Amino acid sequence: MDGRGRRREERQLKHRARGETRIVPCAPELTSFLHAHLSEFGTGPDGLLFRGIRGSQLAESPYCRVWRKAREAVLSPDDVRSPLAARPYDLRHAAVSTWLNAGVPSTQVAEWAGHSVGVLHQIYAKVIVGQEDAARKRIAAALAVQSDA
């Protein structure tokens, strides 16, 4: 609880000025879902996308209940018992890991995630797998271009 009896602190993004935003990529299908939700429900007066019954910030307990039900609806029983997407925040880690494993430069991923490159490497270096072959091919292609010039 914060000093005013609320469970969540109200603050800007970490290491950002109040009101500062950042652009983060989103799959077209998810963007369509978001636009449909906004068309049907809009946002609250304070800009909240999902609101509690009285229009306030959605409380953690119903949010977690819905998350658990959604996991049970779409995951296998073994996956439900696993740590896979145990918390909504785990989706952030999955997105960052996916971007890195897709070969997106770490400087770009850090910008999207709101990390410094150092913090990104410290947290996510262990999830970058299977890129050695692709890296060697990029180096070979770069050297081939230079030797052709």
C-alpha atoms as a PDB file:
ATOM      1  CA  MET A   1       0.000   0.000   0.000  1.00  0.00           C
ATOM      2  CA  ASP A   2       1.130   3.507  -0.668  1.00  0.00           C
ATOM      3  CA  GLY A   3       0.949   6.306   1.882  1.00  0.00           C
ATOM      4  CA  ARG A   4      -2.683   6.997   0.947  1.00  0.00           C
ATOM      5  CA  GLY A   5      -3.942   3.416   1.396  1.00  0.00           C
ATOM      6  CA  ARG A   6      -3.825   2.495  -2.288  1.00  0.00           C
ATOM      7  CA  ARG A   7      -2.275  -0.742  -3.546  1.00  0.00           C
ATOM      8  CA  ARG A   8      -0.614   0.784  -6.608  1.00  0.00           C
ATOM      9  CA  GLU A   9       1.518   3.858  -6.746  1.00  0.00           C
ATOM     10  CA  GLU A  10       0.632   6.443  -9.331  1.00  0.00           C
ATOM     11  CA  ARG A  11       3.755   7.416 -11.211  1.00  0.00           C
ATOM     12  CA  GLN A  12       5.171   8.014 -14.645  1.00  0.00           C
ATOM     13  CA  LEU A  13       7.143   5.381 -16.531  1.00  0.00           C
ATOM     14  CA  LYS A  14      10.418   4.440 -14.838  1.00  0.00           C
ATOM     15  CA  HIS A  15      13.202   6.886 -15.605  1.00  0.00           C
ATOM     16  CA  ARG A  16      10.835   9.061 -17.641  1.00  0.00           C
ATOM     17  CA  ALA A  17       9.390  12.516 -17.151  1.00  0.00           C
ATOM     18  CA  ARG A  18       5.717  12.748 -16.193  1.00  0.00           C
ATOM     19  CA  GLY A  19       3.591  12.480 -19.316  1.00  0.00           C
ATOM     20  CA  GLU A  20       6.430  11.066 -21.438  1.00  0.00           C
ATOM     21  CA  THR A  21       5.459   8.094 -23.592  1.00  0.00           C
ATOM     22  CA  ARG A  22       7.181   5.631 -25.861  1.00  0.00           C
ATOM     23  CA  ILE A  23       6.073   3.809 -28.989  1.00  0.00           C
ATOM     24  CA  VAL A  24       5.931   0.017 -28.710  1.00  0.00           C
ATOM     25  CA  PRO A  25       5.162  -2.302 -31.634  1.00  0.00           C
ATOM     26  CA  CYS A  26       1.950  -4.287 -31.555  1.00  0.00           C
ATOM     27  CA  ALA A  27       0.800  -7.083 -33.853  1.00  0.00           C
ATOM     28  CA  PRO A  28      -1.933  -5.930 -36.271  1.00  0.00           C
ATOM     29  CA  GLU A  29      -4.396  -8.491 -34.884  1.00  0.00           C
ATOM     30  CA  LEU A  30      -3.929  -7.188 -31.342  1.00  0.00           C
ATOM     31  CA  THR A  31      -4.202  -3.607 -32.557  1.00  0.00           C
ATOM     32  CA  SER A  32      -7.560  -4.507 -34.130  1.00  0.00           C
ATOM     33  CA  PHE A  33      -8.767  -5.962 -30.821  1.00  0.00           C
ATOM     34  CA  LEU A  34      -7.671  -2.805 -29.023  1.00  0.00           C
ATOM     35  CA  HIS A  35      -9.471  -0.535 -31.496  1.00  0.00           C
ATOM     36  CA  ALA A  36     -12.635  -2.651 -31.228  1.00  0.00           C
ATOM     37  CA  HIS A  37     -12.493  -2.433 -27.420  1.00  0.00           C
ATOM     38  CA  LEU A  38     -11.982   1.342 -27.563  1.00  0.00           C
ATOM     39  CA  SER A  39     -14.874   1.748 -30.015  1.00  0.00           C
ATOM     40  CA  GLU A  40     -17.208  -0.220 -27.774  1.00  0.00           C
ATOM     41  CA  PHE A  41     -16.096   0.893 -24.314  1.00  0.00           C
ATOM     42  CA  GLY A  42     -13.879   3.953 -24.741  1.00  0.00           C
ATOM     43  CA  THR A  43     -11.675   4.986 -21.844  1.00  0.00           C
ATOM     44  CA  GLY A  44     -12.391   6.478 -18.478  1.00  0.00           C
ATOM     45  CA  PRO A  45     -12.103  10.220 -17.842  1.00  0.00           C
ATOM     46  CA  ASP A  46      -8.538   9.644 -16.652  1.00  0.00           C
ATOM     47  CA  GLY A  47      -7.664   7.616 -19.768  1.00  0.00           C
ATOM     48  CA  LEU A  48      -7.828   4.190 -18.143  1.00  0.00           C
ATOM     49  CA  LEU A  49      -8.485   1.436 -20.651  1.00  0.00           C
ATOM     50  CA  PHE A  50      -9.919  -1.073 -18.172  1.00  0.00           C
ATOM     51  CA  ARG A  51     -11.886   0.310 -15.248  1.00  0.00           C
ATOM     52  CA  GLY A  52     -13.453  -0.933 -12.071  1.00  0.00           C
ATOM     53  CA  ILE A  53     -17.198  -0.851 -11.441  1.00  0.00           C
ATOM     54  CA  ARG A  54     -17.180   2.806 -10.359  1.00  0.00           C
ATOM     55  CA  GLY A  55     -14.841   3.894 -13.164  1.00  0.00           C
ATOM     56  CA  SER A  56     -11.742   3.765 -10.974  1.00  0.00           C
ATOM     57  CA  GLN A  57      -8.574   1.787 -11.502  1.00  0.00           C
ATOM     58  CA  LEU A  58      -9.310  -1.917 -11.823  1.00  0.00           C
ATOM     59  CA  ALA A  59      -8.572  -3.668  -8.545  1.00  0.00           C
ATOM     60  CA  GLU A  60      -5.927  -6.383  -8.541  1.00  0.00           C
ATOM     61  CA  SER A  61      -8.140  -9.236  -7.303  1.00  0.00           C
ATOM     62  CA  PRO A  62     -10.690  -9.257 -10.170  1.00  0.00           C
ATOM     63  CA  TYR A  63      -7.882  -8.681 -12.646  1.00  0.00           C
ATOM     64  CA  CYS A  64      -6.019 -11.733 -11.307  1.00  0.00           C
ATOM     65  CA  ARG A  65      -9.214 -13.821 -11.267  1.00  0.00           C
ATOM     66  CA  VAL A  66      -9.852 -13.049 -14.936  1.00  0.00           C
ATOM     67  CA  TRP A  67      -6.214 -13.776 -15.768  1.00  0.00           C
ATOM     68  CA  ARG A  68      -6.379 -17.202 -14.056  1.00  0.00           C
ATOM     69  CA  LYS A  69      -9.606 -18.059 -15.901  1.00  0.00           C
ATOM     70  CA  ALA A  70      -8.104 -16.998 -19.226  1.00  0.00           C
ATOM     71  CA  ARG A  71      -5.020 -19.170 -18.644  1.00  0.00           C
ATOM     72  CA  GLU A  72      -7.219 -22.152 -17.798  1.00  0.00           C
ATOM     73  CA  ALA A  73      -9.317 -21.568 -20.924  1.00  0.00           C
ATOM     74  CA  VAL A  74      -6.402 -21.483 -23.378  1.00  0.00           C
ATOM     75  CA  LEU A  75      -3.552 -23.488 -21.855  1.00  0.00           C
ATOM     76  CA  SER A  76      -3.181 -27.228 -21.404  1.00  0.00           C
ATOM     77  CA  PRO A  77      -3.533 -28.510 -17.818  1.00  0.00           C
ATOM     78  CA  ASP A  78       0.254 -29.035 -17.659  1.00  0.00           C
ATOM     79  CA  ASP A  79       0.878 -25.460 -18.813  1.00  0.00           C
ATOM     80  CA  VAL A  80      -1.641 -24.100 -16.297  1.00  0.00           C
ATOM     81  CA  ARG A  81       0.388 -25.775 -13.528  1.00  0.00           C
ATOM     82  CA  SER A  82       3.618 -24.349 -14.974  1.00  0.00           C
ATOM     83  CA  PRO A  83       4.928 -20.800 -14.544  1.00  0.00           C
ATOM     84  CA  LEU A  84       4.023 -20.026 -18.186  1.00  0.00           C
ATOM     85  CA  ALA A  85       2.329 -16.608 -18.212  1.00  0.00           C
ATOM     86  CA  ALA A  86       1.593 -16.982 -14.513  1.00  0.00           C
ATOM     87  CA  ARG A  87       1.211 -13.207 -14.266  1.00  0.00           C
ATOM     88  CA  PRO A  88       0.129 -10.660 -16.870  1.00  0.00           C
ATOM     89  CA  TYR A  89       3.548  -9.022 -16.457  1.00  0.00           C
ATOM     90  CA  ASP A  90       5.096 -12.209 -17.876  1.00  0.00           C
ATOM     91  CA  LEU A  91       3.742 -11.150 -21.279  1.00  0.00           C
ATOM     92  CA  ARG A  92       6.170  -8.224 -21.229  1.00  0.00           C
ATOM     93  CA  HIS A  93       9.080 -10.614 -20.720  1.00  0.00           C
ATOM     94  CA  ALA A  94       7.759 -12.847 -23.500  1.00  0.00           C
ATOM     95  CA  ALA A  95       7.514  -9.895 -25.890  1.00  0.00           C
ATOM     96  CA  VAL A  96      11.048  -8.684 -25.155  1.00  0.00           C
ATOM     97  CA  SER A  97      12.420 -12.221 -25.483  1.00  0.00           C
ATOM     98  CA  THR A  98      10.575 -12.683 -28.791  1.00  0.00           C
ATOM     99  CA  TRP A  99      11.943  -9.418 -30.187  1.00  0.00           C
ATOM    100  CA  LEU A 100      15.498 -10.373 -29.214  1.00  0.00           C
ATOM    101  CA  ASN A 101      15.207 -13.889 -30.621  1.00  0.00           C
ATOM    102  CA  ALA A 102      13.760 -12.454 -33.838  1.00  0.00           C
ATOM    103  CA  GLY A 103      17.047 -10.616 -34.285  1.00  0.00           C
ATOM    104  CA  VAL A 104      15.804  -7.105 -33.524  1.00  0.00           C
ATOM    105  CA  PRO A 105      18.861  -5.068 -32.486  1.00  0.00           C
ATOM    106  CA  SER A 106      19.157  -4.772 -28.732  1.00  0.00           C
ATOM    107  CA  THR A 107      19.253  -0.975 -28.954  1.00  0.00           C
ATOM    108  CA  GLN A 108      15.785  -0.995 -30.541  1.00  0.00           C
ATOM    109  CA  VAL A 109      14.419  -3.589 -28.093  1.00  0.00           C
ATOM    110  CA  ALA A 110      15.780  -1.557 -25.176  1.00  0.00           C
ATOM    111  CA  GLU A 111      14.012   1.557 -26.474  1.00  0.00           C
ATOM    112  CA  TRP A 112      10.696  -0.288 -26.897  1.00  0.00           C
ATOM    113  CA  ALA A 113      10.999  -1.940 -23.475  1.00  0.00           C
ATOM    114  CA  GLY A 114      12.057   1.241 -21.731  1.00  0.00           C
ATOM    115  CA  HIS A 115      15.392  -0.219 -20.599  1.00  0.00           C
ATOM    116  CA  SER A 116      18.940   0.874 -21.064  1.00  0.00           C
ATOM    117  CA  VAL A 117      20.891  -1.504 -23.303  1.00  0.00           C
ATOM    118  CA  GLY A 118      22.953  -2.530 -20.262  1.00  0.00           C
ATOM    119  CA  VAL A 119      19.887  -3.453 -18.229  1.00  0.00           C
ATOM    120  CA  LEU A 120      18.383  -5.257 -21.225  1.00  0.00           C
ATOM    121  CA  HIS A 121      21.522  -7.383 -21.644  1.00  0.00           C
ATOM    122  CA  GLN A 122      21.738  -8.054 -17.915  1.00  0.00           C
ATOM    123  CA  ILE A 123      18.138  -9.306 -17.736  1.00  0.00           C
ATOM    124  CA  TYR A 124      17.652 -10.940 -21.131  1.00  0.00           C
ATOM    125  CA  ALA A 125      21.076 -12.190 -22.311  1.00  0.00           C
ATOM    126  CA  LYS A 126      20.179 -15.724 -21.216  1.00  0.00           C
ATOM    127  CA  VAL A 127      17.057 -15.882 -23.408  1.00  0.00           C
ATOM    128  CA  ILE A 128      18.807 -15.134 -26.686  1.00  0.00           C
ATOM    129  CA  VAL A 129      19.255 -18.578 -28.200  1.00  0.00           C
ATOM    130  CA  GLY A 130      20.062 -20.035 -31.582  1.00  0.00           C
ATOM    131  CA  GLN A 131      21.365 -16.857 -33.171  1.00  0.00           C
ATOM    132  CA  GLU A 132      24.993 -17.828 -33.682  1.00  0.00           C
ATOM    133  CA  ASP A 133      24.402 -19.272 -37.162  1.00  0.00           C
ATOM    134  CA  ALA A 134      22.404 -16.244 -38.272  1.00  0.00           C
ATOM    135  CA  ALA A 135      25.067 -13.903 -36.863  1.00  0.00           C
ATOM    136  CA  ARG A 136      27.826 -15.748 -38.749  1.00  0.00           C
ATOM    137  CA  LYS A 137      25.800 -15.494 -41.987  1.00  0.00           C
ATOM    138  CA  ARG A 138      25.319 -11.745 -41.488  1.00  0.00           C
ATOM    139  CA  ILE A 139      29.059 -11.330 -40.932  1.00  0.00           C
ATOM    140  CA  ALA A 140      29.867 -13.391 -44.024  1.00  0.00           C
ATOM    141  CA  ALA A 141      27.389 -11.366 -46.084  1.00  0.00           C
ATOM    142  CA  ALA A 142      28.877  -8.091 -44.823  1.00  0.00           C
ATOM    143  CA  LEU A 143      32.403  -9.253 -45.646  1.00  0.00           C
ATOM    144  CA  ALA A 144      31.299 -10.487 -49.077  1.00  0.00           C
ATOM    145  CA  VAL A 145      29.813  -7.078 -49.877  1.00  0.00           C
ATOM    146  CA  GLN A 146      33.019  -5.349 -48.805  1.00  0.00           C
ATOM    147  CA  SER A 147      35.243  -7.675 -50.829  1.00  0.00           C
ATOM    148  CA  ASP A 148      33.084  -7.159 -53.954  1.00  0.00           C
ATOM    149  CA  ALA A 149      33.507  -3.380 -53.777  1.00  0.00           C
END
